[in-house]
Protein backbone atom coordinates (compact mmCIF):
# COMPACT_ATOMS: atom_id res chain seq x y z
CA MET A 1 -15.73 -22.57 41.57
CA LYS A 2 -13.39 -24.31 39.11
CA SER A 3 -9.89 -25.09 40.13
CA SER A 4 -6.92 -23.63 38.30
CA ARG A 5 -5.99 -27.14 37.18
CA SER A 6 -9.21 -27.57 35.17
CA ARG A 7 -8.80 -24.14 33.61
CA SER A 8 -5.31 -24.99 32.43
CA ARG A 9 -6.58 -28.26 30.93
CA ASN A 10 -9.23 -26.39 28.96
CA LYS A 11 -6.69 -23.86 27.83
CA ASN A 12 -4.36 -26.57 26.52
CA ARG A 13 -7.21 -28.39 24.83
CA ASN A 14 -8.12 -25.26 22.86
CA ASN A 15 -4.52 -24.65 21.82
CA ASN A 16 -4.16 -28.10 20.24
CA ARG A 17 -7.01 -27.50 17.81
CA PRO A 18 -6.15 -26.38 14.31
CA SER A 19 -6.75 -22.68 13.97
CA GLY A 20 -7.64 -22.71 10.29
CA GLY A 21 -6.08 -19.77 8.53
CA ASN A 22 -3.19 -20.10 6.17
CA ILE A 23 -2.37 -23.79 5.65
CA VAL A 24 0.68 -23.00 3.53
CA ASN A 25 2.63 -21.58 6.50
CA ARG A 26 1.14 -23.74 9.26
CA VAL A 27 3.31 -26.41 10.88
CA PHE A 28 1.95 -29.97 10.85
CA ASP A 29 2.96 -33.15 12.64
CA SER A 30 2.70 -36.06 10.24
CA SER A 31 2.84 -39.60 11.58
CA GLY A 32 4.36 -41.61 8.78
CA PRO A 33 5.67 -45.19 8.77
CA GLU A 34 9.18 -44.03 9.72
CA GLY A 35 8.02 -41.86 12.62
CA LYS A 36 6.85 -38.30 12.90
CA VAL A 37 7.64 -35.67 10.30
CA ARG A 38 7.15 -32.07 11.37
CA GLY A 39 7.03 -28.96 9.22
CA THR A 40 5.02 -26.93 6.76
CA PRO A 41 3.21 -28.90 4.05
CA GLN A 42 5.95 -28.02 1.55
CA GLN A 43 8.66 -29.29 3.90
CA ILE A 44 6.69 -32.47 4.61
CA VAL A 45 6.22 -33.11 0.88
CA GLU A 46 9.96 -32.71 0.34
CA LYS A 47 10.77 -35.05 3.25
CA TYR A 48 8.35 -37.77 2.08
CA THR A 49 9.62 -37.42 -1.48
CA GLN A 50 13.18 -37.96 -0.25
CA LEU A 51 12.06 -40.96 1.84
CA HIS A 52 10.26 -42.30 -1.27
CA ARG A 53 13.49 -42.08 -3.30
CA ASP A 54 15.47 -43.75 -0.53
CA ALA A 55 12.93 -46.60 -0.32
CA ILE A 56 13.09 -47.11 -4.10
CA LEU A 57 16.89 -47.29 -3.97
CA SER A 58 16.70 -49.89 -1.20
CA ASN A 59 14.13 -51.92 -3.20
CA ASP A 60 11.41 -51.46 -0.54
CA ARG A 61 8.34 -51.11 -2.75
CA VAL A 62 5.81 -51.09 0.09
CA ASN A 63 7.45 -48.21 1.96
CA ALA A 64 8.12 -46.39 -1.31
CA GLU A 65 4.41 -46.49 -2.14
CA ASN A 66 3.49 -45.45 1.41
CA PHE A 67 5.84 -42.42 1.29
CA ALA A 68 4.55 -41.49 -2.18
CA GLN A 69 0.96 -41.52 -0.86
CA HIS A 70 1.92 -39.36 2.11
CA ALA A 71 3.68 -36.89 -0.19
CA GLU A 72 0.66 -36.84 -2.50
CA HIS A 73 -1.67 -36.13 0.44
CA TYR A 74 0.29 -33.03 1.46
CA THR A 75 0.69 -32.00 -2.18
CA ARG A 76 -3.12 -32.05 -2.52
CA MET A 77 -3.44 -30.02 0.70
CA LEU A 78 -1.07 -27.42 -0.76
CA ALA A 79 -2.94 -27.34 -4.05
CA GLU A 80 -6.29 -26.83 -2.29
CA ALA A 81 -4.84 -24.09 -0.09
CA GLN A 82 -3.36 -22.41 -3.15
CA LYS A 83 -6.76 -22.50 -4.90
CA GLU A 84 -8.32 -20.78 -1.88
CA ILE A 85 -5.57 -18.17 -1.80
CA ASP A 86 -5.99 -17.52 -5.53
CA ALA A 87 -9.78 -17.25 -5.16
CA LYS A 88 -9.39 -14.74 -2.31
CA ARG A 89 -6.87 -12.77 -4.35
CA GLU A 90 -9.20 -12.71 -7.37
CA GLU A 91 -12.09 -11.56 -5.19
CA GLN A 92 -9.92 -8.81 -3.68
CA GLU A 93 -8.79 -7.67 -7.13
CA LYS A 94 -12.39 -7.63 -8.35
CA GLN A 95 -13.42 -5.51 -5.35
CA ASN A 96 -10.50 -3.15 -6.00
CA ARG A 97 -11.47 -2.81 -9.68
CA ASP A 98 -15.10 -2.13 -8.72
CA ARG A 99 -14.01 0.52 -6.20
CA GLN A 100 -11.76 2.15 -8.79
CA VAL A 101 -14.58 2.24 -11.34
CA GLU A 102 -16.84 3.87 -8.73
CA ARG A 103 -14.16 6.45 -7.84
CA ASP A 104 -13.61 7.24 -11.52
CA ARG A 105 -17.35 7.66 -12.08
CA GLU A 106 -17.69 9.98 -9.07
CA ARG A 107 -14.68 11.99 -10.23
CA ASN A 108 -16.13 12.38 -13.73
CA GLU A 109 -19.46 13.51 -12.27
CA ARG A 110 -17.68 16.03 -10.04
CA LEU A 111 -15.65 17.41 -12.95
CA LYS A 112 -18.78 17.65 -15.10
CA ALA A 113 -20.58 19.54 -12.30
CA GLN A 114 -17.62 21.92 -11.99
CA GLU A 115 -17.59 22.56 -15.72
CA GLU A 116 -21.34 23.25 -15.69
CA ALA A 117 -20.91 25.61 -12.73
CA ALA A 118 -18.08 27.43 -14.51
CA ALA A 119 -20.16 27.76 -17.67
CA ALA A 120 -23.14 29.10 -15.73
CA ALA A 121 -21.06 31.60 -13.69
CA PRO A 122 -20.87 35.16 -15.12
CA ALA A 123 -17.57 36.09 -16.74
CA PRO A 124 -15.45 38.59 -14.74
CA ALA A 125 -15.46 42.17 -15.93
CA GLU A 126 -12.38 43.20 -17.87
CA GLY A 127 -9.78 45.02 -15.84
CA SER A 128 -11.00 43.36 -12.66
CA GLU A 129 -8.08 42.10 -10.62
CA GLN A 130 -10.12 39.67 -8.55
CA PRO A 131 -10.48 36.21 -10.11
CA ALA A 132 -13.93 34.69 -10.42
CA VAL A 133 -14.67 32.29 -7.55
CA GLU A 134 -16.57 29.14 -8.36
CA ASP A 135 -19.04 28.01 -5.75
CA ALA A 136 -18.12 24.36 -6.13
CA GLY A 137 -16.83 23.96 -2.57
CA LEU A 138 -13.22 23.91 -3.72
CA VAL A 139 -10.40 25.89 -2.19
CA GLU A 140 -7.79 27.57 -4.33
CA THR A 141 -4.36 26.15 -3.63
CA PRO A 142 -1.09 28.05 -4.10
CA GLU A 143 -0.23 25.90 -7.14
CA GLU A 144 -3.45 26.99 -8.84
CA ALA A 145 -3.26 30.66 -7.89
CA PRO A 146 -2.12 32.99 -10.68
CA LYS A 147 1.47 34.13 -10.24
CA ARG A 148 1.81 37.83 -9.57
CA ARG A 149 5.07 39.53 -10.26
CA ARG A 150 6.49 41.80 -7.64
CA THR A 151 7.30 45.22 -8.85
CA ARG A 152 10.01 47.32 -7.29
CA LYS A 153 9.65 50.91 -6.39
CA PRO A 154 11.58 53.09 -8.82
CA LYS A 155 14.80 54.50 -7.42
CA PRO A 156 14.66 58.22 -6.90
CA LYS A 157 16.76 60.05 -9.43
CA PRO A 158 19.54 62.06 -7.81
CA GLU A 159 19.26 65.77 -8.14
CA GLN A 160 22.07 67.65 -9.78
CA GLY A 161 25.12 67.92 -7.58
CA GLU A 162 24.25 64.92 -5.40
CA LEU A 163 25.96 61.59 -5.64
CA PRO A 164 23.82 58.50 -6.15
CA VAL A 165 23.00 56.72 -2.88
CA SER A 166 25.00 53.63 -3.77
CA ASP A 167 28.12 55.68 -4.57
CA ALA A 168 28.02 57.80 -1.42
CA GLN A 169 30.21 56.81 1.48
CA PRO A 170 28.45 57.70 4.72
CA ASP A 171 31.41 57.92 7.11
CA ALA A 172 34.05 59.20 4.70
CA PRO A 173 35.43 62.66 5.50
CA GLU A 174 34.62 65.30 2.93
CA ALA A 175 37.52 66.23 0.72
CA ALA A 176 38.71 69.82 0.85
CA GLU A 177 38.18 71.86 -2.29
């Protein structure tokens, strides 16, 4: 049985390995001539570029060239990562376009089949209140249903001598004649 100490060593060893993935956002430790520089590739490029300028101003050509080479290395890493990102994005867009073309084709086929089914279905008899139902597997939604107007019952006409219902007062005492 392995001791817990050896397990923790293996665990730490695996964590120090680069995980791949997105290089643009990954943090690197760069060991340059002036010590370690830590950050994302963009931050490291900016730091080495600043160190390059400082070395030029102090007339240190050797260090200036060294910093320029370090900055160029991380610039190339960024460019390569950006190419990979762009290639993945292009591939994703191509897949999306292909899927959309397939969906459009299926939709057109479905609409064509519905039109053929509607043309082949017998026309409803005139005066029939029931709409023709297509056997295309579709369900009629409320938006598609024909609007039917509600009709009110006609008000009964008051007989002679009676007051209309709306004018009558139910609890009012009758006036003496």
